[in-house]
Amino acid sequence: MRTRTPCVYLLASAPRGTLYVGVTSDPIQRIWQHRNDAVEGFTRRYGAHALVWYELHPDMQSAIAREKRIKSWKRAWKLALIETANPHWRDLYSAIIDASAPSAR
């Protein structure tokens, strides 16, 4: 069974493109679903598939609260949040997979 990891994330269609803010307890599975158009909705319609920012939380309650705050932000604030942590708009999906992989012993 996979460990739950509460996470707030931002997906983008391109650098400075369409943004999507989401929250999940299983970021690897949820981002995979977005990337592979396995779910109907905004990310499929606008092609927002690149994981450009994420933040892990100790519990879902704090993650949901943070997602709601970010959703209410102006677009410029969201862009600044991304560009502070990820100035080249790299897709961070592999980083989130690597972070969850058990270390080799």
PDB file of N, CA and C in Angstrom:
ATOM      1  N   MET A   1       0.838  -1.188   0.000  1.00  0.00           N
ATOM      2  CA  MET A   1       0.000   0.000   0.000  1.00  0.00           C
ATOM      3  C   MET A   1       0.882   1.250   0.000  1.00  0.00           C
ATOM      4  N   ARG A   2       0.538   2.199  -0.815  1.00  0.00           N
ATOM      5  CA  ARG A   2       1.317   3.416  -0.967  1.00  0.00           C
ATOM      6  C   ARG A   2       1.048   4.360   0.203  1.00  0.00           C
ATOM      7  N   THR A   3       2.097   5.000   0.678  1.00  0.00           N
ATOM      8  CA  THR A   3       1.969   5.982   1.744  1.00  0.00           C
ATOM      9  C   THR A   3       1.295   7.231   1.202  1.00  0.00           C
ATOM     10  N   ARG A   4       0.392   7.786   1.973  1.00  0.00           N
ATOM     11  CA  ARG A   4      -0.286   9.023   1.565  1.00  0.00           C
ATOM     12  C   ARG A   4       0.629  10.208   1.810  1.00  0.00           C
ATOM     13  N   THR A   5       0.707  11.089   0.820  1.00  0.00           N
ATOM     14  CA  THR A   5       1.549  12.263   0.892  1.00  0.00           C
ATOM     15  C   THR A   5       0.729  13.481   0.477  1.00  0.00           C
ATOM     16  N   PRO A   6       0.101  14.176   1.418  1.00  0.00           N
ATOM     17  CA  PRO A   6      -0.679  15.368   1.051  1.00  0.00           C
ATOM     18  C   PRO A   6       0.191  16.388   0.318  1.00  0.00           C
ATOM     19  N   CYS A   7      -0.338  16.886  -0.777  1.00  0.00           N
ATOM     20  CA  CYS A   7       0.459  17.729  -1.675  1.00  0.00           C
ATOM     21  C   CYS A   7      -0.436  18.733  -2.394  1.00  0.00           C
ATOM     22  N   VAL A   8       0.046  19.959  -2.504  1.00  0.00           N
ATOM     23  CA  VAL A   8      -0.567  20.987  -3.346  1.00  0.00           C
ATOM     24  C   VAL A   8       0.348  21.124  -4.555  1.00  0.00           C
ATOM     25  N   TYR A   9      -0.218  21.280  -5.738  1.00  0.00           N
ATOM     26  CA  TYR A   9       0.612  21.313  -6.935  1.00  0.00           C
ATOM     27  C   TYR A   9       0.067  22.277  -7.970  1.00  0.00           C
ATOM     28  N   LEU A  10       0.962  22.722  -8.838  1.00  0.00           N
ATOM     29  CA  LEU A  10       0.593  23.558  -9.973  1.00  0.00           C
ATOM     30  C   LEU A  10       1.060  22.871 -11.247  1.00  0.00           C
ATOM     31  N   LEU A  11       0.152  22.754 -12.195  1.00  0.00           N
ATOM     32  CA  LEU A  11       0.458  22.234 -13.530  1.00  0.00           C
ATOM     33  C   LEU A  11       0.382  23.389 -14.508  1.00  0.00           C
ATOM     34  N   ALA A  12       1.162  23.303 -15.586  1.00  0.00           N
ATOM     35  CA  ALA A  12       1.146  24.347 -16.609  1.00  0.00           C
ATOM     36  C   ALA A  12       1.108  23.720 -17.996  1.00  0.00           C
ATOM     37  N   SER A  13       0.502  24.446 -18.926  1.00  0.00           N
ATOM     38  CA  SER A  13       0.461  23.987 -20.321  1.00  0.00           C
ATOM     39  C   SER A  13       1.770  24.299 -21.037  1.00  0.00           C
ATOM     40  N   ALA A  14       2.474  25.318 -20.564  1.00  0.00           N
ATOM     41  CA  ALA A  14       3.749  25.769 -21.124  1.00  0.00           C
ATOM     42  C   ALA A  14       4.311  26.794 -20.145  1.00  0.00           C
ATOM     43  N   PRO A  15       5.564  27.188 -20.286  1.00  0.00           N
ATOM     44  CA  PRO A  15       6.068  28.244 -19.414  1.00  0.00           C
ATOM     45  C   PRO A  15       5.181  29.492 -19.506  1.00  0.00           C
ATOM     46  N   ARG A  16       4.723  29.944 -18.365  1.00  0.00           N
ATOM     47  CA  ARG A  16       3.827  31.108 -18.247  1.00  0.00           C
ATOM     48  C   ARG A  16       2.497  30.890 -18.984  1.00  0.00           C
ATOM     49  N   GLY A  17       2.135  29.627 -19.218  1.00  0.00           N
ATOM     50  CA  GLY A  17       0.894  29.294 -19.907  1.00  0.00           C
ATOM     51  C   GLY A  17      -0.265  29.129 -18.937  1.00  0.00           C
ATOM     52  N   THR A  18      -1.225  28.335 -19.344  1.00  0.00           N
ATOM     53  CA  THR A  18      -2.397  28.061 -18.518  1.00  0.00           C
ATOM     54  C   THR A  18      -1.967  27.300 -17.274  1.00  0.00           C
ATOM     55  N   LEU A  19      -2.492  27.719 -16.121  1.00  0.00           N
ATOM     56  CA  LEU A  19      -2.135  27.098 -14.841  1.00  0.00           C
ATOM     57  C   LEU A  19      -3.324  26.373 -14.234  1.00  0.00           C
ATOM     58  N   TYR A  20      -3.005  25.302 -13.519  1.00  0.00           N
ATOM     59  CA  TYR A  20      -4.011  24.540 -12.774  1.00  0.00           C
ATOM     60  C   TYR A  20      -3.469  24.296 -11.375  1.00  0.00           C
ATOM     61  N   VAL A  21      -4.276  24.582 -10.361  1.00  0.00           N
ATOM     62  CA  VAL A  21      -3.907  24.335  -8.967  1.00  0.00           C
ATOM     63  C   VAL A  21      -4.713  23.145  -8.473  1.00  0.00           C
ATOM     64  N   GLY A  22      -4.029  22.183  -7.851  1.00  0.00           N
ATOM     65  CA  GLY A  22      -4.719  21.009  -7.337  1.00  0.00           C
ATOM     66  C   GLY A  22      -4.159  20.566  -6.002  1.00  0.00           C
ATOM     67  N   VAL A  23      -4.875  19.635  -5.371  1.00  0.00           N
ATOM     68  CA  VAL A  23      -4.454  19.042  -4.109  1.00  0.00           C
ATOM     69  C   VAL A  23      -4.738  17.546  -4.196  1.00  0.00           C
ATOM     70  N   THR A  24      -3.880  16.739  -3.576  1.00  0.00           N
ATOM     71  CA  THR A  24      -4.054  15.295  -3.611  1.00  0.00           C
ATOM     72  C   THR A  24      -3.330  14.660  -2.437  1.00  0.00           C
ATOM     73  N   SER A  25      -3.714  13.451  -2.126  1.00  0.00           N
ATOM     74  CA  SER A  25      -2.975  12.687  -1.117  1.00  0.00           C
ATOM     75  C   SER A  25      -2.051  11.663  -1.788  1.00  0.00           C
ATOM     76  N   ASP A  26      -2.109  11.579  -3.109  1.00  0.00           N
ATOM     77  CA  ASP A  26      -1.269  10.648  -3.857  1.00  0.00           C
ATOM     78  C   ASP A  26      -0.737  11.362  -5.101  1.00  0.00           C
ATOM     79  N   PRO A  27       0.296  12.199  -4.926  1.00  0.00           N
ATOM     80  CA  PRO A  27       0.737  13.035  -6.054  1.00  0.00           C
ATOM     81  C   PRO A  27       1.217  12.260  -7.275  1.00  0.00           C
ATOM     82  N   ILE A  28       1.887  11.146  -7.086  1.00  0.00           N
ATOM     83  CA  ILE A  28       2.383  10.396  -8.249  1.00  0.00           C
ATOM     84  C   ILE A  28       1.216   9.923  -9.112  1.00  0.00           C
ATOM     85  N   GLN A  29       0.234   9.321  -8.492  1.00  0.00           N
ATOM     86  CA  GLN A  29      -0.919   8.820  -9.247  1.00  0.00           C
ATOM     87  C   GLN A  29      -1.718   9.961  -9.871  1.00  0.00           C
ATOM     88  N   ARG A  30      -1.967  11.017  -9.090  1.00  0.00           N
ATOM     89  CA  ARG A  30      -2.816  12.100  -9.589  1.00  0.00           C
ATOM     90  C   ARG A  30      -2.158  12.843 -10.747  1.00  0.00           C
ATOM     91  N   ILE A  31      -0.862  13.131 -10.630  1.00  0.00           N
ATOM     92  CA  ILE A  31      -0.178  13.823 -11.724  1.00  0.00           C
ATOM     93  C   ILE A  31      -0.135  12.922 -12.960  1.00  0.00           C
ATOM     94  N   TRP A  32       0.090  11.616 -12.759  1.00  0.00           N
ATOM     95  CA  TRP A  32       0.063  10.677 -13.885  1.00  0.00           C
ATOM     96  C   TRP A  32      -1.292  10.754 -14.587  1.00  0.00           C
ATOM     97  N   GLN A  33      -2.367  10.804 -13.814  1.00  0.00           N
ATOM     98  CA  GLN A  33      -3.707  10.885 -14.409  1.00  0.00           C
ATOM     99  C   GLN A  33      -3.849  12.144 -15.257  1.00  0.00           C
ATOM    100  N   HIS A  34      -3.384  13.280 -14.745  1.00  0.00           N
ATOM    101  CA  HIS A  34      -3.442  14.525 -15.518  1.00  0.00           C
ATOM    102  C   HIS A  34      -2.606  14.408 -16.792  1.00  0.00           C
ATOM    103  N   ARG A  35      -1.383  13.919 -16.669  1.00  0.00           N
ATOM    104  CA  ARG A  35      -0.459  13.837 -17.803  1.00  0.00           C
ATOM    105  C   ARG A  35      -0.969  12.920 -18.908  1.00  0.00           C
ATOM    106  N   ASN A  36      -1.724  11.916 -18.526  1.00  0.00           N
ATOM    107  CA  ASN A  36      -2.217  10.940 -19.494  1.00  0.00           C
ATOM    108  C   ASN A  36      -3.684  11.140 -19.847  1.00  0.00           C
ATOM    109  N   ASP A  37      -4.220  12.298 -19.502  1.00  0.00           N
ATOM    110  CA  ASP A  37      -5.613  12.645 -19.815  1.00  0.00           C
ATOM    111  C   ASP A  37      -6.591  11.567 -19.364  1.00  0.00           C
ATOM    112  N   ALA A  38      -6.314  10.978 -18.204  1.00  0.00           N
ATOM    113  CA  ALA A  38      -7.171   9.926 -17.665  1.00  0.00           C
ATOM    114  C   ALA A  38      -8.394  10.490 -16.947  1.00  0.00           C
ATOM    115  N   VAL A  39      -8.418  11.798 -16.756  1.00  0.00           N
ATOM    116  CA  VAL A  39      -9.556  12.441 -16.103  1.00  0.00           C
ATOM    117  C   VAL A  39     -10.091  13.551 -16.996  1.00  0.00           C
ATOM    118  N   GLU A  40     -11.397  13.652 -17.048  1.00  0.00           N
ATOM    119  CA  GLU A  40     -12.050  14.731 -17.798  1.00  0.00           C
ATOM    120  C   GLU A  40     -11.793  16.043 -17.082  1.00  0.00           C
ATOM    121  N   GLY A  41     -11.858  17.125 -17.811  1.00  0.00           N
ATOM    122  CA  GLY A  41     -11.832  18.415 -17.147  1.00  0.00           C
ATOM    123  C   GLY A  41     -10.777  19.373 -17.654  1.00  0.00           C
ATOM    124  N   PHE A  42     -10.452  20.309 -16.778  1.00  0.00           N
ATOM    125  CA  PHE A  42      -9.624  21.459 -17.108  1.00  0.00           C
ATOM    126  C   PHE A  42      -8.267  21.083 -17.684  1.00  0.00           C
ATOM    127  N   THR A  43      -7.546  20.184 -17.023  1.00  0.00           N
ATOM    128  CA  THR A  43      -6.182  19.884 -17.482  1.00  0.00           C
ATOM    129  C   THR A  43      -6.178  19.207 -18.847  1.00  0.00           C
ATOM    130  N   ARG A  44      -7.161  18.389 -19.110  1.00  0.00           N
ATOM    131  CA  ARG A  44      -7.254  17.766 -20.439  1.00  0.00           C
ATOM    132  C   ARG A  44      -7.606  18.818 -21.479  1.00  0.00           C
ATOM    133  N   ARG A  45      -8.592  19.646 -21.162  1.00  0.00           N
ATOM    134  CA  ARG A  45      -9.069  20.656 -22.113  1.00  0.00           C
ATOM    135  C   ARG A  45      -7.961  21.649 -22.479  1.00  0.00           C
ATOM    136  N   TYR A  46      -7.142  22.060 -21.495  1.00  0.00           N
ATOM    137  CA  TYR A  46      -6.134  23.092 -21.734  1.00  0.00           C
ATOM    138  C   TYR A  46      -4.704  22.563 -21.838  1.00  0.00           C
ATOM    139  N   GLY A  47      -4.533  21.247 -21.748  1.00  0.00           N
ATOM    140  CA  GLY A  47      -3.213  20.657 -21.904  1.00  0.00           C
ATOM    141  C   GLY A  47      -2.228  21.026 -20.805  1.00  0.00           C
ATOM    142  N   ALA A  48      -2.736  21.242 -19.619  1.00  0.00           N
ATOM    143  CA  ALA A  48      -1.876  21.579 -18.477  1.00  0.00           C
ATOM    144  C   ALA A  48      -1.362  20.277 -17.878  1.00  0.00           C
ATOM    145  N   HIS A  49      -0.184  19.838 -18.321  1.00  0.00           N
ATOM    146  CA  HIS A  49       0.350  18.536 -17.922  1.00  0.00           C
ATOM    147  C   HIS A  49       1.699  18.603 -17.210  1.00  0.00           C
ATOM    148  N   ALA A  50       2.408  19.717 -17.304  1.00  0.00           N
ATOM    149  CA  ALA A  50       3.738  19.820 -16.698  1.00  0.00           C
ATOM    150  C   ALA A  50       3.613  20.217 -15.225  1.00  0.00           C
ATOM    151  N   LEU A  51       4.189  19.417 -14.361  1.00  0.00           N
ATOM    152  CA  LEU A  51       4.230  19.732 -12.927  1.00  0.00           C
ATOM    153  C   LEU A  51       5.336  20.760 -12.723  1.00  0.00           C
ATOM    154  N   VAL A  52       4.962  22.012 -12.434  1.00  0.00           N
ATOM    155  CA  VAL A  52       5.957  23.078 -12.338  1.00  0.00           C
ATOM    156  C   VAL A  52       6.210  23.548 -10.909  1.00  0.00           C
ATOM    157  N   TRP A  53       5.365  23.113  -9.977  1.00  0.00           N
ATOM    158  CA  TRP A  53       5.548  23.479  -8.561  1.00  0.00           C
ATOM    159  C   TRP A  53       4.744  22.507  -7.721  1.00  0.00           C
ATOM    160  N   TYR A  54       5.297  22.137  -6.566  1.00  0.00           N
ATOM    161  CA  TYR A  54       4.531  21.350  -5.598  1.00  0.00           C
ATOM    162  C   TYR A  54       5.043  21.609  -4.203  1.00  0.00           C
ATOM    163  N   GLU A  55       4.181  21.319  -3.249  1.00  0.00           N
ATOM    164  CA  GLU A  55       4.495  21.547  -1.845  1.00  0.00           C
ATOM    165  C   GLU A  55       3.868  20.415  -1.040  1.00  0.00           C
ATOM    166  N   LEU A  56       4.679  19.711  -0.278  1.00  0.00           N
ATOM    167  CA  LEU A  56       4.194  18.614   0.558  1.00  0.00           C
ATOM    168  C   LEU A  56       3.695  19.157   1.888  1.00  0.00           C
ATOM    169  N   HIS A  57       2.688  18.497   2.453  1.00  0.00           N
ATOM    170  CA  HIS A  57       2.081  18.933   3.714  1.00  0.00           C
ATOM    171  C   HIS A  57       1.978  17.764   4.685  1.00  0.00           C
ATOM    172  N   PRO A  58       1.935  18.058   5.975  1.00  0.00           N
ATOM    173  CA  PRO A  58       1.843  16.987   6.971  1.00  0.00           C
ATOM    174  C   PRO A  58       0.474  16.314   7.006  1.00  0.00           C
ATOM    175  N   ASP A  59      -0.566  17.025   6.557  1.00  0.00           N
ATOM    176  CA  ASP A  59      -1.919  16.452   6.574  1.00  0.00           C
ATOM    177  C   ASP A  59      -2.769  17.106   5.490  1.00  0.00           C
ATOM    178  N   MET A  60      -3.866  16.444   5.143  1.00  0.00           N
ATOM    179  CA  MET A  60      -4.734  16.935   4.065  1.00  0.00           C
ATOM    180  C   MET A  60      -5.404  18.255   4.437  1.00  0.00           C
ATOM    181  N   GLN A  61      -5.701  18.449   5.689  1.00  0.00           N
ATOM    182  CA  GLN A  61      -6.363  19.684   6.102  1.00  0.00           C
ATOM    183  C   GLN A  61      -5.498  20.901   5.747  1.00  0.00           C
ATOM    184  N   SER A  62      -4.214  20.843   6.053  1.00  0.00           N
ATOM    185  CA  SER A  62      -3.340  21.983   5.729  1.00  0.00           C
ATOM    186  C   SER A  62      -3.132  22.099   4.216  1.00  0.00           C
ATOM    187  N   ALA A  63      -3.073  20.977   3.521  1.00  0.00           N
ATOM    188  CA  ALA A  63      -2.913  21.010   2.060  1.00  0.00           C
ATOM    189  C   ALA A  63      -4.135  21.649   1.396  1.00  0.00           C
ATOM    190  N   ILE A  64      -5.319  21.282   1.833  1.00  0.00           N
ATOM    191  CA  ILE A  64      -6.552  21.852   1.262  1.00  0.00           C
ATOM    192  C   ILE A  64      -6.632  23.350   1.538  1.00  0.00           C
ATOM    193  N   ALA A  65      -6.267  23.757   2.751  1.00  0.00           N
ATOM    194  CA  ALA A  65      -6.283  25.185   3.092  1.00  0.00           C
ATOM    195  C   ALA A  65      -5.318  25.960   2.193  1.00  0.00           C
ATOM    196  N   ARG A  66      -4.138  25.405   1.962  1.00  0.00           N
ATOM    197  CA  ARG A  66      -3.138  26.063   1.114  1.00  0.00           C
ATOM    198  C   ARG A  66      -3.620  26.134  -0.333  1.00  0.00           C
ATOM    199  N   GLU A  67      -4.224  25.059  -0.832  1.00  0.00           N
ATOM    200  CA  GLU A  67      -4.757  25.062  -2.196  1.00  0.00           C
ATOM    201  C   GLU A  67      -5.804  26.167  -2.355  1.00  0.00           C
ATOM    202  N   LYS A  68      -6.689  26.290  -1.395  1.00  0.00           N
ATOM    203  CA  LYS A  68      -7.733  27.330  -1.474  1.00  0.00           C
ATOM    204  C   LYS A  68      -7.126  28.722  -1.486  1.00  0.00           C
ATOM    205  N   ARG A  69      -6.084  28.928  -0.657  1.00  0.00           N
ATOM    206  CA  ARG A  69      -5.423  30.241  -0.654  1.00  0.00           C
ATOM    207  C   ARG A  69      -4.791  30.530  -2.019  1.00  0.00           C
ATOM    208  N   ILE A  70      -4.058  29.559  -2.550  1.00  0.00           N
ATOM    209  CA  ILE A  70      -3.384  29.776  -3.834  1.00  0.00           C
ATOM    210  C   ILE A  70      -4.401  30.003  -4.955  1.00  0.00           C
ATOM    211  N   LYS A  71      -5.510  29.278  -4.941  1.00  0.00           N
ATOM    212  CA  LYS A  71      -6.535  29.464  -5.973  1.00  0.00           C
ATOM    213  C   LYS A  71      -7.099  30.882  -5.963  1.00  0.00           C
ATOM    214  N   SER A  72      -7.089  31.523  -4.798  1.00  0.00           N
ATOM    215  CA  SER A  72      -7.639  32.886  -4.703  1.00  0.00           C
ATOM    216  C   SER A  72      -6.616  33.951  -5.094  1.00  0.00           C
ATOM    217  N   TRP A  73      -5.361  33.550  -5.294  1.00  0.00           N
ATOM    218  CA  TRP A  73      -4.305  34.506  -5.636  1.00  0.00           C
ATOM    219  C   TRP A  73      -4.466  35.051  -7.051  1.00  0.00           C
ATOM    220  N   LYS A  74      -3.858  36.210  -7.261  1.00  0.00           N
ATOM    221  CA  LYS A  74      -3.738  36.763  -8.604  1.00  0.00           C
ATOM    222  C   LYS A  74      -2.768  35.891  -9.405  1.00  0.00           C
ATOM    223  N   ARG A  75      -2.935  35.886 -10.704  1.00  0.00           N
ATOM    224  CA  ARG A  75      -2.066  35.088 -11.576  1.00  0.00           C
ATOM    225  C   ARG A  75      -0.589  35.454 -11.386  1.00  0.00           C
ATOM    226  N   ALA A  76      -0.293  36.741 -11.264  1.00  0.00           N
ATOM    227  CA  ALA A  76       1.097  37.183 -11.097  1.00  0.00           C
ATOM    228  C   ALA A  76       1.732  36.565  -9.854  1.00  0.00           C
ATOM    229  N   TRP A  77       0.971  36.385  -8.798  1.00  0.00           N
ATOM    230  CA  TRP A  77       1.504  35.781  -7.570  1.00  0.00           C
ATOM    231  C   TRP A  77       1.818  34.310  -7.794  1.00  0.00           C
ATOM    232  N   LYS A  78       0.967  33.629  -8.543  1.00  0.00           N
ATOM    233  CA  LYS A  78       1.215  32.215  -8.852  1.00  0.00           C
ATOM    234  C   LYS A  78       2.466  32.071  -9.715  1.00  0.00           C
ATOM    235  N   LEU A  79       2.620  32.946 -10.696  1.00  0.00           N
ATOM    236  CA  LEU A  79       3.812  32.915 -11.544  1.00  0.00           C
ATOM    237  C   LEU A  79       5.068  33.154 -10.711  1.00  0.00           C
ATOM    238  N   ALA A  80       4.989  34.094  -9.785  1.00  0.00           N
ATOM    239  CA  ALA A  80       6.143  34.374  -8.920  1.00  0.00           C
ATOM    240  C   ALA A  80       6.470  33.175  -8.035  1.00  0.00           C
ATOM    241  N   LEU A  81       5.448  32.494  -7.532  1.00  0.00           N
ATOM    242  CA  LEU A  81       5.648  31.305  -6.706  1.00  0.00           C
ATOM    243  C   LEU A  81       6.412  30.246  -7.502  1.00  0.00           C
ATOM    244  N   ILE A  82       5.985  30.008  -8.731  1.00  0.00           N
ATOM    245  CA  ILE A  82       6.640  29.021  -9.588  1.00  0.00           C
ATOM    246  C   ILE A  82       8.064  29.457  -9.907  1.00  0.00           C
ATOM    247  N   GLU A  83       8.220  30.691 -10.357  1.00  0.00           N
ATOM    248  CA  GLU A  83       9.523  31.141 -10.839  1.00  0.00           C
ATOM    249  C   GLU A  83      10.553  31.285  -9.723  1.00  0.00           C
ATOM    250  N   THR A  84      10.119  31.448  -8.485  1.00  0.00           N
ATOM    251  CA  THR A  84      11.052  31.485  -7.362  1.00  0.00           C
ATOM    252  C   THR A  84      11.672  30.103  -7.148  1.00  0.00           C
ATOM    253  N   ALA A  85      10.855  29.065  -7.234  1.00  0.00           N
ATOM    254  CA  ALA A  85      11.328  27.696  -6.993  1.00  0.00           C
ATOM    255  C   ALA A  85      11.811  26.998  -8.262  1.00  0.00           C
ATOM    256  N   ASN A  86      11.273  27.389  -9.404  1.00  0.00           N
ATOM    257  CA  ASN A  86      11.539  26.679 -10.657  1.00  0.00           C
ATOM    258  C   ASN A  86      11.652  27.698 -11.808  1.00  0.00           C
ATOM    259  N   PRO A  87      12.717  28.506 -11.823  1.00  0.00           N
ATOM    260  CA  PRO A  87      12.808  29.602 -12.794  1.00  0.00           C
ATOM    261  C   PRO A  87      12.828  29.162 -14.257  1.00  0.00           C
ATOM    262  N   HIS A  88      13.213  27.930 -14.533  1.00  0.00           N
ATOM    263  CA  HIS A  88      13.274  27.451 -15.921  1.00  0.00           C
ATOM    264  C   HIS A  88      12.036  26.639 -16.308  1.00  0.00           C
ATOM    265  N   TRP A  89      11.060  26.593 -15.417  1.00  0.00           N
ATOM    266  CA  TRP A  89       9.798  25.902 -15.674  1.00  0.00           C
ATOM    267  C   TRP A  89      10.022  24.442 -16.067  1.00  0.00           C
ATOM    268  N   ARG A  90      10.974  23.780 -15.400  1.00  0.00           N
ATOM    269  CA  ARG A  90      11.204  22.354 -15.657  1.00  0.00           C
ATOM    270  C   ARG A  90      10.003  21.542 -15.185  1.00  0.00           C
ATOM    271  N   ASP A  91       9.743  20.447 -15.841  1.00  0.00           N
ATOM    272  CA  ASP A  91       8.699  19.519 -15.400  1.00  0.00           C
ATOM    273  C   ASP A  91       9.271  18.715 -14.235  1.00  0.00           C
ATOM    274  N   LEU A  92       8.651  18.817 -13.072  1.00  0.00           N
ATOM    275  CA  LEU A  92       9.164  18.221 -11.834  1.00  0.00           C
ATOM    276  C   LEU A  92       8.590  16.841 -11.548  1.00  0.00           C
ATOM    277  N   TYR A  93       7.881  16.259 -12.487  1.00  0.00           N
ATOM    278  CA  TYR A  93       7.255  14.961 -12.233  1.00  0.00           C
ATOM    279  C   TYR A  93       8.280  13.897 -11.853  1.00  0.00           C
ATOM    280  N   SER A  94       9.397  13.838 -12.559  1.00  0.00           N
ATOM    281  CA  SER A  94      10.408  12.827 -12.219  1.00  0.00           C
ATOM    282  C   SER A  94      10.994  13.089 -10.832  1.00  0.00           C
ATOM    283  N   ALA A  95      11.077  14.348 -10.433  1.00  0.00           N
ATOM    284  CA  ALA A  95      11.596  14.675  -9.098  1.00  0.00           C
ATOM    285  C   ALA A  95      10.665  14.167  -8.004  1.00  0.00           C
ATOM    286  N   ILE A  96       9.377  14.245  -8.236  1.00  0.00           N
ATOM    287  CA  ILE A  96       8.424  13.778  -7.219  1.00  0.00           C
ATOM    288  C   ILE A  96       8.435  12.243  -7.148  1.00  0.00           C
ATOM    289  N   ILE A  97       8.681  11.596  -8.283  1.00  0.00           N
ATOM    290  CA  ILE A  97       8.803  10.132  -8.288  1.00  0.00           C
ATOM    291  C   ILE A  97      10.083   9.725  -7.552  1.00  0.00           C
ATOM    292  N   ASP A  98      11.191  10.386  -7.870  1.00  0.00           N
ATOM    293  CA  ASP A  98      12.465  10.073  -7.223  1.00  0.00           C
ATOM    294  C   ASP A  98      12.407  10.306  -5.720  1.00  0.00           C
ATOM    295  N   ALA A  99      11.707  11.350  -5.292  1.00  0.00           N
ATOM    296  CA  ALA A  99      11.600  11.670  -3.873  1.00  0.00           C
ATOM    297  C   ALA A  99      10.832  10.608  -3.111  1.00  0.00           C
ATOM    298  N   SER A 100       9.939   9.899  -3.783  1.00  0.00           N
ATOM    299  CA  SER A 100       9.130   8.877  -3.096  1.00  0.00           C
ATOM    300  C   SER A 100       9.740   7.484  -3.183  1.00  0.00           C
ATOM    301  N   ALA A 101      10.745   7.323  -4.030  1.00  0.00           N
ATOM    302  CA  ALA A 101      11.365   5.998  -4.193  1.00  0.00           C
ATOM    303  C   ALA A 101      12.176   5.637  -2.944  1.00  0.00           C
ATOM    304  N   PRO A 102      12.099   4.385  -2.526  1.00  0.00           N
ATOM    305  CA  PRO A 102      12.923   3.973  -1.381  1.00  0.00           C
ATOM    306  C   PRO A 102      14.400   4.074  -1.745  1.00  0.00           C
ATOM    307  N   SER A 103      15.198   4.511  -0.819  1.00  0.00           N
ATOM    308  CA  SER A 103      16.623   4.644  -1.107  1.00  0.00           C
ATOM    309  C   SER A 103      17.284   3.281  -1.228  1.00  0.00           C
ATOM    310  N   ALA A 104      18.257   3.210  -2.110  1.00  0.00           N
ATOM    311  CA  ALA A 104      18.992   1.944  -2.310  1.00  0.00           C
ATOM    312  C   ALA A 104      19.891   1.700  -1.101  1.00  0.00           C
ATOM    313  N   ARG A 105      19.895   0.504  -0.610  1.00  0.00           N
ATOM    314  CA  ARG A 105      20.723   0.177   0.565  1.00  0.00           C
ATOM    315  C   ARG A 105      21.675  -0.926   0.244  1.00  0.00           C
TER     316      ARG A 105
END
